[in-house]
Amino acid sequence: MNLDVYRSCSFKEKREVLNVFWRASAEGSERVSRAAVQYGYPAIICLVAILVESVLLTFVSVVHSSALAWVAGAGDVFMVWAIWWAVARYRALRALLGAGADVVVPTAASD
């Protein structure tokens, strides 16, 4: 996974990267947009990992008839929405950059 542009950003630029990635109305320079694309793939992976964990906790809550199972379920719904939004923004940014030649997305064959 190539994160060279993202890692070379200053703290201020990284804040811009977050804005460009998570907000559809935000715009940034080409450098910030490339860093946002590089940030997107690991962000999606982390969100999926959190969702898996959350689903397991919801399942345990339902099995034990916990009164807070509905809160866990609502959290799962929010996580699904967050993943959908992250994937949508990632695709939009990649399309904006023309799928960027320096953006490498790992595949099973390349590992």
N, C-alpha and C. Protein backbone atom coordinates (compact mmCIF):
# COMPACT_ATOMS: atom_id res chain seq x y z
N MET A 1 0.86 -1.17 0.00
CA MET A 1 0.00 0.00 0.00
C MET A 1 0.90 1.23 0.00
N ASN A 2 0.71 2.09 -0.93
CA ASN A 2 1.55 3.26 -1.12
C ASN A 2 0.92 4.47 -0.43
N LEU A 3 1.56 4.95 0.64
CA LEU A 3 1.06 6.12 1.37
C LEU A 3 2.07 7.25 1.36
N ASP A 4 2.93 7.31 0.37
CA ASP A 4 4.01 8.29 0.37
C ASP A 4 3.52 9.73 0.38
N VAL A 5 2.49 10.05 -0.41
CA VAL A 5 1.99 11.42 -0.45
C VAL A 5 1.35 11.77 0.90
N TYR A 6 0.53 10.86 1.42
CA TYR A 6 -0.13 11.11 2.70
C TYR A 6 0.89 11.30 3.82
N ARG A 7 1.90 10.46 3.86
CA ARG A 7 2.92 10.56 4.92
C ARG A 7 3.75 11.82 4.82
N SER A 8 3.91 12.35 3.62
CA SER A 8 4.73 13.55 3.46
C SER A 8 3.95 14.83 3.75
N CYS A 9 2.66 14.72 4.01
CA CYS A 9 1.84 15.91 4.30
C CYS A 9 2.12 16.45 5.69
N SER A 10 2.01 17.76 5.82
CA SER A 10 2.12 18.40 7.12
C SER A 10 0.83 18.15 7.91
N PHE A 11 0.82 18.53 9.17
CA PHE A 11 -0.37 18.35 10.01
C PHE A 11 -1.57 19.09 9.41
N LYS A 12 -1.33 20.31 8.95
CA LYS A 12 -2.40 21.10 8.35
C LYS A 12 -2.94 20.44 7.09
N GLU A 13 -2.05 19.90 6.28
CA GLU A 13 -2.48 19.22 5.06
C GLU A 13 -3.26 17.95 5.38
N LYS A 14 -2.86 17.25 6.44
CA LYS A 14 -3.59 16.04 6.83
C LYS A 14 -5.01 16.38 7.28
N ARG A 15 -5.18 17.52 7.90
CA ARG A 15 -6.54 17.96 8.25
C ARG A 15 -7.34 18.23 6.98
N GLU A 16 -6.70 18.82 5.98
CA GLU A 16 -7.36 19.05 4.70
C GLU A 16 -7.70 17.72 4.02
N VAL A 17 -6.81 16.73 4.16
CA VAL A 17 -7.06 15.41 3.59
C VAL A 17 -8.34 14.83 4.19
N LEU A 18 -8.49 14.93 5.51
CA LEU A 18 -9.70 14.42 6.16
C LEU A 18 -10.94 15.13 5.64
N ASN A 19 -10.86 16.45 5.49
CA ASN A 19 -12.00 17.21 4.96
C ASN A 19 -12.33 16.78 3.54
N VAL A 20 -11.32 16.64 2.71
CA VAL A 20 -11.57 16.27 1.31
C VAL A 20 -12.14 14.85 1.23
N PHE A 21 -11.64 13.95 2.07
CA PHE A 21 -12.12 12.57 2.00
C PHE A 21 -13.54 12.43 2.54
N TRP A 22 -13.83 13.02 3.68
CA TRP A 22 -15.12 12.77 4.33
C TRP A 22 -16.23 13.71 3.91
N ARG A 23 -15.92 14.86 3.33
CA ARG A 23 -16.96 15.83 2.96
C ARG A 23 -17.02 15.99 1.45
N ALA A 24 -18.19 15.80 0.91
CA ALA A 24 -18.36 15.90 -0.55
C ALA A 24 -18.17 17.33 -1.03
N SER A 25 -18.45 18.30 -0.18
CA SER A 25 -18.36 19.69 -0.60
C SER A 25 -16.95 20.27 -0.50
N ALA A 26 -16.05 19.57 0.14
CA ALA A 26 -14.69 20.08 0.34
C ALA A 26 -13.85 19.84 -0.91
N GLU A 27 -13.01 20.80 -1.20
CA GLU A 27 -12.09 20.68 -2.33
C GLU A 27 -10.68 20.96 -1.84
N GLY A 28 -9.72 20.32 -2.48
CA GLY A 28 -8.34 20.53 -2.10
C GLY A 28 -7.45 20.52 -3.32
N SER A 29 -6.19 20.76 -3.08
CA SER A 29 -5.21 20.74 -4.17
C SER A 29 -5.07 19.30 -4.68
N GLU A 30 -4.36 19.15 -5.79
CA GLU A 30 -4.16 17.80 -6.33
C GLU A 30 -3.38 16.94 -5.34
N ARG A 31 -2.42 17.54 -4.66
CA ARG A 31 -1.63 16.80 -3.66
C ARG A 31 -2.51 16.31 -2.53
N VAL A 32 -3.38 17.15 -2.02
CA VAL A 32 -4.28 16.78 -0.93
C VAL A 32 -5.27 15.72 -1.42
N SER A 33 -5.75 15.86 -2.64
CA SER A 33 -6.68 14.86 -3.19
C SER A 33 -6.00 13.51 -3.36
N ARG A 34 -4.75 13.51 -3.83
CA ARG A 34 -4.01 12.24 -3.95
C ARG A 34 -3.79 11.62 -2.57
N ALA A 35 -3.48 12.45 -1.59
CA ALA A 35 -3.30 11.94 -0.23
C ALA A 35 -4.61 11.39 0.31
N ALA A 36 -5.73 12.01 -0.04
CA ALA A 36 -7.04 11.53 0.41
C ALA A 36 -7.36 10.17 -0.19
N VAL A 37 -6.98 9.96 -1.44
CA VAL A 37 -7.18 8.64 -2.05
C VAL A 37 -6.31 7.60 -1.35
N GLN A 38 -5.09 7.97 -1.05
CA GLN A 38 -4.20 7.04 -0.34
C GLN A 38 -4.72 6.75 1.07
N TYR A 39 -5.32 7.73 1.71
CA TYR A 39 -5.89 7.57 3.04
C TYR A 39 -7.14 6.69 3.00
N GLY A 40 -7.88 6.73 1.90
CA GLY A 40 -9.18 6.08 1.82
C GLY A 40 -9.16 4.58 1.97
N TYR A 41 -8.24 3.90 1.30
CA TYR A 41 -8.22 2.44 1.34
C TYR A 41 -7.99 1.91 2.75
N PRO A 42 -6.98 2.38 3.49
CA PRO A 42 -6.82 1.90 4.87
C PRO A 42 -8.00 2.30 5.77
N ALA A 43 -8.59 3.46 5.50
CA ALA A 43 -9.74 3.89 6.31
C ALA A 43 -10.91 2.93 6.13
N ILE A 44 -11.15 2.50 4.91
CA ILE A 44 -12.24 1.55 4.65
C ILE A 44 -11.95 0.22 5.34
N ILE A 45 -10.72 -0.24 5.28
CA ILE A 45 -10.35 -1.49 5.94
C ILE A 45 -10.60 -1.39 7.45
N CYS A 46 -10.22 -0.28 8.05
CA CYS A 46 -10.44 -0.09 9.49
C CYS A 46 -11.92 -0.05 9.82
N LEU A 47 -12.71 0.62 9.00
CA LEU A 47 -14.15 0.67 9.24
C LEU A 47 -14.78 -0.72 9.16
N VAL A 48 -14.36 -1.52 8.21
CA VAL A 48 -14.88 -2.88 8.09
C VAL A 48 -14.50 -3.71 9.32
N ALA A 49 -13.27 -3.56 9.80
CA ALA A 49 -12.84 -4.29 10.99
C ALA A 49 -13.68 -3.89 12.21
N ILE A 50 -13.95 -2.60 12.34
CA ILE A 50 -14.77 -2.13 13.45
C ILE A 50 -16.20 -2.66 13.33
N LEU A 51 -16.72 -2.70 12.10
CA LEU A 51 -18.07 -3.23 11.89
C LEU A 51 -18.15 -4.70 12.28
N VAL A 52 -17.16 -5.50 11.90
CA VAL A 52 -17.16 -6.92 12.26
C VAL A 52 -17.19 -7.07 13.78
N GLU A 53 -16.38 -6.30 14.45
CA GLU A 53 -16.35 -6.33 15.92
C GLU A 53 -17.71 -5.93 16.50
N SER A 54 -18.28 -4.89 15.95
CA SER A 54 -19.56 -4.38 16.44
C SER A 54 -20.69 -5.38 16.21
N VAL A 55 -20.68 -6.05 15.07
CA VAL A 55 -21.71 -7.06 14.79
C VAL A 55 -21.61 -8.21 15.79
N LEU A 56 -20.39 -8.61 16.10
CA LEU A 56 -20.22 -9.67 17.10
C LEU A 56 -20.76 -9.24 18.46
N LEU A 57 -20.49 -8.01 18.86
CA LEU A 57 -21.00 -7.51 20.13
C LEU A 57 -22.53 -7.41 20.12
N THR A 58 -23.10 -7.02 19.00
CA THR A 58 -24.55 -6.96 18.88
C THR A 58 -25.14 -8.35 19.00
N PHE A 59 -24.52 -9.32 18.34
CA PHE A 59 -25.00 -10.70 18.42
C PHE A 59 -24.99 -11.20 19.85
N VAL A 60 -23.90 -10.95 20.56
CA VAL A 60 -23.81 -11.38 21.96
C VAL A 60 -24.87 -10.67 22.80
N SER A 61 -25.10 -9.39 22.54
CA SER A 61 -26.11 -8.65 23.29
C SER A 61 -27.51 -9.21 23.06
N VAL A 62 -27.80 -9.56 21.83
CA VAL A 62 -29.12 -10.13 21.51
C VAL A 62 -29.27 -11.51 22.15
N VAL A 63 -28.23 -12.33 22.08
CA VAL A 63 -28.29 -13.68 22.65
C VAL A 63 -28.51 -13.61 24.16
N HIS A 64 -27.89 -12.65 24.82
CA HIS A 64 -28.03 -12.51 26.26
C HIS A 64 -29.21 -11.63 26.65
N SER A 65 -30.03 -11.27 25.69
CA SER A 65 -31.23 -10.44 25.92
C SER A 65 -30.89 -9.15 26.65
N SER A 66 -29.82 -8.55 26.25
CA SER A 66 -29.41 -7.29 26.86
C SER A 66 -30.37 -6.17 26.45
N ALA A 67 -30.66 -5.32 27.40
CA ALA A 67 -31.57 -4.20 27.13
C ALA A 67 -30.95 -3.19 26.16
N LEU A 68 -29.65 -3.21 26.03
CA LEU A 68 -28.98 -2.25 25.16
C LEU A 68 -28.65 -2.82 23.78
N ALA A 69 -29.24 -3.95 23.43
CA ALA A 69 -28.98 -4.56 22.13
C ALA A 69 -29.40 -3.63 21.00
N TRP A 70 -30.47 -2.88 21.20
CA TRP A 70 -30.93 -1.98 20.14
C TRP A 70 -29.93 -0.85 19.92
N VAL A 71 -29.23 -0.42 20.96
CA VAL A 71 -28.20 0.61 20.80
C VAL A 71 -27.04 0.06 19.96
N ALA A 72 -26.67 -1.17 20.25
CA ALA A 72 -25.61 -1.81 19.46
C ALA A 72 -26.05 -1.96 18.01
N GLY A 73 -27.32 -2.31 17.81
CA GLY A 73 -27.84 -2.43 16.45
C GLY A 73 -27.82 -1.11 15.71
N ALA A 74 -28.16 -0.04 16.42
CA ALA A 74 -28.12 1.30 15.81
C ALA A 74 -26.67 1.66 15.45
N GLY A 75 -25.74 1.27 16.28
CA GLY A 75 -24.32 1.49 15.97
C GLY A 75 -23.90 0.75 14.72
N ASP A 76 -24.41 -0.47 14.56
CA ASP A 76 -24.11 -1.25 13.36
C ASP A 76 -24.66 -0.57 12.11
N VAL A 77 -25.87 -0.05 12.20
CA VAL A 77 -26.46 0.65 11.07
C VAL A 77 -25.61 1.87 10.72
N PHE A 78 -25.16 2.60 11.72
CA PHE A 78 -24.31 3.76 11.48
C PHE A 78 -23.00 3.33 10.81
N MET A 79 -22.42 2.22 11.26
CA MET A 79 -21.16 1.75 10.67
C MET A 79 -21.35 1.35 9.21
N VAL A 80 -22.47 0.72 8.89
CA VAL A 80 -22.74 0.37 7.49
C VAL A 80 -22.84 1.64 6.65
N TRP A 81 -23.52 2.65 7.18
CA TRP A 81 -23.61 3.92 6.46
C TRP A 81 -22.22 4.55 6.29
N ALA A 82 -21.40 4.52 7.34
CA ALA A 82 -20.05 5.11 7.27
C ALA A 82 -19.20 4.40 6.22
N ILE A 83 -19.32 3.07 6.15
CA ILE A 83 -18.56 2.33 5.14
C ILE A 83 -19.06 2.68 3.75
N TRP A 84 -20.37 2.75 3.59
CA TRP A 84 -20.93 3.13 2.29
C TRP A 84 -20.40 4.51 1.87
N TRP A 85 -20.43 5.47 2.79
CA TRP A 85 -19.97 6.82 2.48
C TRP A 85 -18.48 6.83 2.15
N ALA A 86 -17.67 6.10 2.91
CA ALA A 86 -16.23 6.05 2.65
C ALA A 86 -15.94 5.45 1.28
N VAL A 87 -16.64 4.39 0.92
CA VAL A 87 -16.44 3.77 -0.40
C VAL A 87 -16.88 4.74 -1.50
N ALA A 88 -18.00 5.42 -1.29
CA ALA A 88 -18.49 6.38 -2.28
C ALA A 88 -17.49 7.52 -2.47
N ARG A 89 -16.96 8.06 -1.39
CA ARG A 89 -15.97 9.15 -1.49
C ARG A 89 -14.67 8.66 -2.12
N TYR A 90 -14.24 7.46 -1.75
CA TYR A 90 -13.02 6.89 -2.32
C TYR A 90 -13.15 6.76 -3.83
N ARG A 91 -14.28 6.22 -4.28
CA ARG A 91 -14.50 6.08 -5.72
C ARG A 91 -14.59 7.43 -6.40
N ALA A 92 -15.25 8.39 -5.77
CA ALA A 92 -15.38 9.72 -6.37
C ALA A 92 -14.01 10.39 -6.50
N LEU A 93 -13.19 10.27 -5.47
CA LEU A 93 -11.86 10.89 -5.53
C LEU A 93 -10.98 10.20 -6.56
N ARG A 94 -11.05 8.88 -6.66
CA ARG A 94 -10.27 8.17 -7.67
C ARG A 94 -10.71 8.57 -9.07
N ALA A 95 -12.02 8.73 -9.25
CA ALA A 95 -12.53 9.16 -10.57
C ALA A 95 -12.07 10.58 -10.88
N LEU A 96 -12.06 11.43 -9.85
CA LEU A 96 -11.63 12.81 -10.03
C LEU A 96 -10.18 12.89 -10.47
N LEU A 97 -9.37 12.01 -9.92
CA LEU A 97 -7.94 12.01 -10.25
C LEU A 97 -7.63 11.11 -11.45
N GLY A 98 -8.64 10.54 -12.04
CA GLY A 98 -8.41 9.65 -13.18
C GLY A 98 -7.76 8.36 -12.75
N ALA A 99 -8.13 7.87 -11.58
CA ALA A 99 -7.61 6.63 -11.00
C ALA A 99 -6.12 6.71 -10.72
N GLY A 100 -5.56 7.87 -10.66
CA GLY A 100 -4.18 8.17 -10.30
C GLY A 100 -3.17 7.07 -10.50
N ALA A 101 -2.18 7.33 -11.29
CA ALA A 101 -1.18 6.32 -11.61
C ALA A 101 -0.36 5.92 -10.39
N ASP A 102 -0.20 6.82 -9.41
CA ASP A 102 0.62 6.48 -8.25
C ASP A 102 -0.21 5.93 -7.10
N VAL A 103 -1.49 5.69 -7.30
CA VAL A 103 -2.33 5.11 -6.26
C VAL A 103 -2.39 3.62 -6.50
N VAL A 104 -1.78 2.86 -5.58
CA VAL A 104 -1.71 1.42 -5.73
C VAL A 104 -2.64 0.79 -4.71
N VAL A 105 -3.60 0.02 -5.21
CA VAL A 105 -4.51 -0.72 -4.33
C VAL A 105 -4.07 -2.17 -4.36
N PRO A 106 -3.74 -2.73 -3.19
CA PRO A 106 -3.24 -4.10 -3.18
C PRO A 106 -4.33 -5.08 -3.56
N THR A 107 -3.94 -6.14 -4.24
CA THR A 107 -4.85 -7.23 -4.57
C THR A 107 -4.25 -8.51 -4.05
N ALA A 108 -5.04 -9.55 -4.03
CA ALA A 108 -4.55 -10.84 -3.52
C ALA A 108 -3.38 -11.34 -4.36
N ALA A 109 -3.41 -11.08 -5.64
CA ALA A 109 -2.35 -11.55 -6.54
C ALA A 109 -1.03 -10.83 -6.33
N SER A 110 -1.08 -9.56 -5.86
CA SER A 110 0.14 -8.78 -5.71
C SER A 110 0.81 -8.94 -4.36
N ASP A 111 0.16 -9.66 -3.44
CA ASP A 111 0.76 -9.83 -2.10
C ASP A 111 1.80 -10.87 -2.05
